Protein backbone atom coordinates (compact mmCIF):
# COMPACT_ATOMS: atom_id res chain seq x y z
CA UNK A 1 45.71 -23.54 -12.81
CA UNK A 2 45.28 -20.27 -11.20
CA UNK A 3 42.38 -19.28 -8.62
CA UNK A 4 39.33 -17.77 -10.24
CA UNK A 5 39.87 -13.98 -9.38
CA UNK A 6 36.49 -13.69 -7.97
CA UNK A 7 37.63 -15.90 -5.28
CA UNK A 8 40.80 -14.47 -4.60
CA UNK A 9 39.26 -11.53 -2.89
CA UNK A 10 37.78 -13.44 -0.13
CA UNK A 11 39.30 -12.29 3.36
CA UNK A 12 40.30 -14.85 6.05
CA UNK A 13 41.04 -14.42 9.67
CA UNK A 14 43.20 -17.13 11.22
CA UNK A 15 43.12 -17.48 15.02
CA UNK A 16 46.39 -19.22 16.63
CA UNK A 17 46.50 -19.46 20.42
CA UNK A 18 50.21 -20.15 21.75
CA UNK A 19 51.41 -21.05 25.06
CA UNK A 20 55.12 -22.07 25.57
CA UNK A 21 55.46 -22.64 21.88
CA UNK A 22 58.88 -21.73 20.98
CA UNK A 23 59.75 -25.25 19.88
CA UNK A 24 56.78 -25.35 17.27
CA UNK A 25 55.38 -21.89 16.54
CA UNK A 26 58.18 -20.77 13.98
CA UNK A 27 57.16 -23.91 11.62
CA UNK A 28 53.47 -23.45 12.05
CA UNK A 29 53.50 -19.63 11.23
CA UNK A 30 55.71 -20.28 8.40
CA UNK A 31 53.30 -22.83 7.05
CA UNK A 32 50.61 -20.00 7.11
CA UNK A 33 53.01 -17.56 5.30
CA UNK A 34 53.81 -19.97 2.74
CA UNK A 35 50.02 -20.32 1.71
CA UNK A 36 49.30 -19.84 -1.96
CA UNK A 37 46.23 -17.97 -0.94
CA UNK A 38 47.50 -14.41 0.45
CA UNK A 39 44.59 -12.75 1.41
CA UNK A 40 44.51 -13.49 5.28
CA UNK A 41 45.37 -11.98 8.58
CA UNK A 42 46.85 -14.05 11.39
CA UNK A 43 45.91 -13.26 14.99
CA UNK A 44 48.24 -15.12 17.47
CA UNK A 45 47.34 -15.02 21.13
CA UNK A 46 50.03 -15.54 23.50
CA UNK A 47 48.48 -17.14 26.52
CA UNK A 48 50.74 -15.91 29.34
CA UNK A 49 54.00 -17.87 27.80
CA UNK A 50 57.00 -17.90 30.06
CA UNK A 51 59.50 -19.23 27.45
CA UNK A 52 60.76 -17.40 24.07
CA UNK A 53 57.37 -17.38 22.37
CA UNK A 54 56.53 -13.63 22.93
CA UNK A 55 59.77 -12.89 21.32
CA UNK A 56 58.95 -14.90 18.46
CA UNK A 57 55.63 -13.44 18.00
CA UNK A 58 57.23 -10.01 17.97
CA UNK A 59 59.46 -11.18 15.33
CA UNK A 60 56.34 -12.36 13.04
CA UNK A 61 54.41 -9.05 13.54
CA UNK A 62 57.40 -6.96 12.48
CA UNK A 63 58.05 -8.95 9.40
CA UNK A 64 54.62 -9.47 8.10
CA UNK A 65 52.01 -6.90 8.42
CA UNK A 66 49.28 -9.16 8.18
CA UNK A 67 50.05 -10.88 11.77
CA UNK A 68 48.66 -9.23 14.53
CA UNK A 69 49.28 -10.27 18.23
CA UNK A 70 47.44 -10.45 21.55
CA UNK A 71 49.66 -10.71 24.64
CA UNK A 72 47.92 -12.12 27.88
CA UNK A 73 49.45 -11.67 31.30
CA UNK A 74 48.18 -14.94 32.65
CA UNK A 75 47.76 -18.16 31.17
CA UNK A 76 43.87 -18.73 31.04
CA UNK A 77 43.50 -21.72 28.67
CA UNK A 78 43.08 -22.24 24.98
CA UNK A 79 39.21 -21.42 25.08
CA UNK A 80 39.94 -17.96 26.60
CA UNK A 81 42.68 -17.27 24.08
CA UNK A 82 40.42 -17.89 21.32
CA UNK A 83 37.71 -15.74 22.78
CA UNK A 84 40.13 -12.75 23.02
CA UNK A 85 40.79 -13.50 19.23
CA UNK A 86 37.37 -13.19 18.49
CA UNK A 87 37.25 -9.82 20.30
CA UNK A 88 39.49 -8.21 18.02
CA UNK A 89 39.28 -9.83 14.57
CA UNK A 90 37.67 -7.87 11.85
CA UNK A 91 34.62 -8.89 9.85
CA UNK A 92 35.92 -10.85 7.01
CA UNK A 93 34.56 -13.61 4.86
CA UNK A 94 36.10 -16.82 6.34
CA UNK A 95 37.49 -17.91 9.66
CA UNK A 96 40.21 -20.49 10.20
CA UNK A 97 42.00 -21.97 13.26
CA UNK A 98 45.50 -23.44 13.87
CA UNK A 99 47.22 -24.92 16.66
CA UNK A 100 50.59 -23.98 17.59
CA UNK A 101 52.07 -27.23 16.60
CA UNK A 102 50.22 -28.28 13.39
CA UNK A 103 50.98 -27.49 10.04
CA UNK A 104 49.07 -26.27 6.92
CA UNK A 105 49.94 -27.51 3.37
CA UNK A 106 50.48 -24.80 0.83
CA UNK A 107 47.39 -24.78 -0.82
CA UNK A 108 45.24 -25.37 2.13
CA UNK A 109 43.37 -22.15 2.12
CA UNK A 110 43.10 -21.86 -1.56
CA UNK A 111 41.45 -25.34 -2.11
CA UNK A 112 38.98 -24.84 0.86
CA UNK A 113 37.86 -21.48 -0.37
CA UNK A 114 37.18 -23.09 -3.72
CA UNK A 115 35.41 -25.89 -1.94
CA UNK A 116 33.23 -23.69 -0.31
CA UNK A 117 32.41 -21.16 -2.78
CA UNK A 118 31.94 -23.58 -5.74
CA UNK A 119 29.48 -25.76 -3.54
CA UNK A 120 27.70 -23.08 -1.68
CA UNK A 121 28.24 -24.39 1.76
CA UNK A 122 29.61 -22.54 4.82
CA UNK A 123 31.60 -25.13 7.12
CA UNK A 124 34.29 -27.68 6.07
CA UNK A 125 37.10 -29.44 7.28
CA UNK A 126 40.00 -31.49 5.50
CA UNK A 127 41.73 -34.84 5.95
CA UNK A 128 45.03 -34.76 7.97
CA UNK A 129 48.34 -36.62 8.39
CA UNK A 130 49.72 -37.31 11.54
CA UNK A 131 53.28 -36.56 12.62
CA UNK A 132 55.30 -36.93 15.59
CA UNK A 133 57.19 -34.18 17.61
CA UNK A 134 60.37 -34.56 15.28
CA UNK A 135 57.82 -33.54 12.49
CA UNK A 136 58.16 -37.32 11.09
CA UNK A 137 55.07 -38.72 9.24
CA UNK A 138 53.59 -41.70 10.92
CA UNK A 139 51.88 -43.18 8.12
CA UNK A 140 48.56 -42.35 9.29
CA UNK A 141 45.77 -40.52 7.03
CA UNK A 142 42.55 -39.47 8.65
CA UNK A 143 39.66 -38.67 6.37
CA UNK A 144 36.28 -36.95 7.82
CA UNK A 145 33.01 -38.19 6.35
CA UNK A 146 31.92 -36.20 3.03
CA UNK A 147 29.06 -34.61 4.99
CA UNK A 148 27.82 -34.73 8.83
CA UNK A 149 25.02 -32.88 10.58
CA UNK A 150 24.63 -32.36 14.46
CA UNK A 151 23.12 -35.83 15.22
CA UNK A 152 26.06 -37.51 13.63
CA UNK A 153 28.51 -35.26 15.33
CA UNK A 154 27.27 -36.01 18.52
CA UNK A 155 28.36 -39.78 17.99
CA UNK A 156 32.03 -38.87 17.19
CA UNK A 157 33.99 -36.00 16.50
CA UNK A 158 35.87 -36.05 13.13
CA UNK A 159 36.99 -32.48 13.02
CA UNK A 160 40.74 -31.46 13.54
CA UNK A 161 40.57 -27.82 14.54
CA UNK A 162 43.38 -26.89 12.35
CA UNK A 163 41.71 -28.22 9.22
CA UNK A 164 38.39 -25.95 9.56
CA UNK A 165 37.45 -23.24 7.50
CA UNK A 166 34.02 -21.77 7.85
CA UNK A 167 32.26 -18.57 7.15
CA UNK A 168 32.54 -15.32 9.58
CA UNK A 169 28.69 -15.79 10.22
CA UNK A 170 28.83 -19.11 11.19
CA UNK A 171 32.07 -18.63 13.25
CA UNK A 172 30.53 -15.99 15.14
CA UNK A 173 26.87 -17.17 15.73
CA UNK A 174 27.71 -18.61 18.94
CA UNK A 175 30.18 -17.93 22.07
CA UNK A 176 33.38 -20.02 22.10
CA UNK A 177 32.78 -22.41 25.38
CA UNK A 178 34.38 -22.17 28.65
CA UNK A 179 37.40 -24.48 29.40
CA UNK A 180 36.67 -27.99 30.11
CA UNK A 181 38.88 -29.99 27.87
CA UNK A 182 36.08 -30.18 25.32
CA UNK A 183 35.89 -26.54 24.13
CA UNK A 184 36.57 -27.40 20.53
CA UNK A 185 33.94 -30.34 19.94
CA UNK A 186 31.25 -28.17 21.88
CA UNK A 187 31.98 -25.24 19.69
CA UNK A 188 31.26 -27.34 16.54
CA UNK A 189 28.38 -28.98 18.04
CA UNK A 190 26.70 -25.41 18.97
CA UNK A 191 27.43 -24.13 15.49
CA UNK A 192 25.75 -27.01 13.69
CA UNK A 193 22.69 -27.18 16.44
CA UNK A 194 22.19 -23.48 16.21
CA UNK A 195 22.38 -22.97 12.71
CA UNK A 196 20.60 -26.32 11.54
CA UNK A 197 23.41 -26.80 9.24
CA UNK A 198 25.90 -29.52 8.30
CA UNK A 199 29.77 -29.68 7.91
CA UNK A 200 31.58 -31.07 4.86
CA UNK A 201 34.72 -33.15 4.69
CA UNK A 202 37.32 -32.76 1.92
CA UNK A 203 39.35 -35.88 1.36
CA UNK A 204 42.50 -34.25 0.30
CA UNK A 205 45.41 -34.02 3.16
CA UNK A 206 45.75 -30.24 3.61
CA UNK A 207 46.87 -30.51 7.41
CA UNK A 208 49.28 -32.11 9.50
CA UNK A 209 48.61 -32.85 13.45
CA UNK A 210 51.14 -33.32 15.67
CA UNK A 211 50.66 -36.46 18.07
CA UNK A 212 52.21 -36.04 21.40
CA UNK A 213 53.80 -39.07 23.53
CA UNK A 214 51.14 -39.89 26.05
CA UNK A 215 49.38 -42.92 27.53
CA UNK A 216 47.14 -44.31 24.88
CA UNK A 217 44.99 -46.12 27.43
CA UNK A 218 44.82 -43.07 29.55
CA UNK A 219 43.72 -40.92 26.63
CA UNK A 220 40.87 -43.20 25.50
CA UNK A 221 39.32 -43.24 29.21
CA UNK A 222 39.72 -39.21 29.40
CA UNK A 223 38.24 -39.05 25.85
CA UNK A 224 34.95 -40.99 26.98
CA UNK A 225 34.67 -38.85 30.15
CA UNK A 226 35.01 -35.73 28.26
CA UNK A 227 32.05 -36.73 25.90
CA UNK A 228 29.99 -37.75 28.64
CA UNK A 229 30.53 -34.31 29.87
CA UNK A 230 29.60 -32.76 26.70
CA UNK A 231 26.23 -34.88 26.42
CA UNK A 232 25.13 -34.10 29.93
CA UNK A 233 26.53 -30.60 30.89
CA UNK A 234 26.65 -28.67 27.71
CA UNK A 235 23.95 -30.47 25.07
CA UNK A 236 21.96 -31.21 28.33
CA UNK A 237 20.80 -34.60 26.83
CA UNK A 238 18.81 -37.12 28.61
CA UNK A 239 20.37 -40.06 30.53
CA UNK A 240 19.12 -42.80 27.99
CA UNK A 241 20.35 -40.80 24.96
CA UNK A 242 23.53 -39.86 26.63
CA UNK A 243 24.36 -43.67 27.40
CA UNK A 244 23.32 -44.59 23.96
CA UNK A 245 25.99 -42.18 22.60
CA UNK A 246 28.75 -42.79 25.04
CA UNK A 247 28.51 -46.70 24.41
CA UNK A 248 28.59 -45.93 20.83
CA UNK A 249 31.62 -43.56 21.07
CA UNK A 250 33.37 -46.29 23.41
CA UNK A 251 33.12 -48.84 20.60
CA UNK A 252 34.70 -46.46 18.09
CA UNK A 253 37.34 -45.17 20.45
CA UNK A 254 38.47 -48.04 22.52
CA UNK A 255 37.48 -51.13 20.45
CA UNK A 256 38.34 -49.48 17.19
CA UNK A 257 34.90 -50.44 15.70
CA UNK A 258 34.59 -47.68 12.83
CA UNK A 259 31.75 -46.50 11.06
CA UNK A 260 31.88 -47.11 7.45
CA UNK A 261 31.61 -43.28 6.44
CA UNK A 262 35.21 -43.15 7.96
CA UNK A 263 37.30 -44.04 5.06
CA UNK A 264 40.55 -44.27 7.15
CA UNK A 265 41.60 -44.52 10.71
CA UNK A 266 39.78 -42.13 13.03
CA UNK A 267 41.53 -40.66 16.08
CA UNK A 268 40.52 -38.13 18.54
CA UNK A 269 42.98 -37.04 21.04
């Protein structure tokens, strides 16, 4: 079934930071080019790469006029790269994000736009499958809640950056946070808090996220520390509320106690 012609005119800006991504960037960009939905512009920000990433980006911009590049002289971190992209994107209907080692399934944008427009909502994310560095499926599917607000997002972050689609107005309603290892999480929190809105989850897998080989126990401890930093530094929550939230998060993250609204395994790297 073809997409409603009234929806096919919606414009999408895609922000993709890349740093030393020569091994993965080609597949990622190709997954965007392969989208069934064609009315998009891709903004690739090279964050001071020292490998062949710049040459790859140059080849993309030459072969597809919908792809633009920002080349940064020095590595400034993913938060800085995304802020640079926001400086140059043209006003559009929707904004999407993609990490340089993730993949989109062909109907990602089409199905998300239909979901947002038909339900009159402004922010959604999708279910995802997990792949390893060889692009092999690990048999893990992660499904976000159907709907969650700011207070629920404080407990745990079910949003994969590469699965998000939201309106331009929401995306630009707050500034992208500074580096701290928590920039994505704080960005989503800021949007929901400032706009007093909710995010909505789709149970269809439309994104593949690459999981790198790292120490699992180390990742869990770092994640707990990062969330504590978010609660106290960014959200400026009181000590009692912060302790309550971090204990709740630790049970979900470390002890694998799952909230019933999470359909399948939840994992935040």
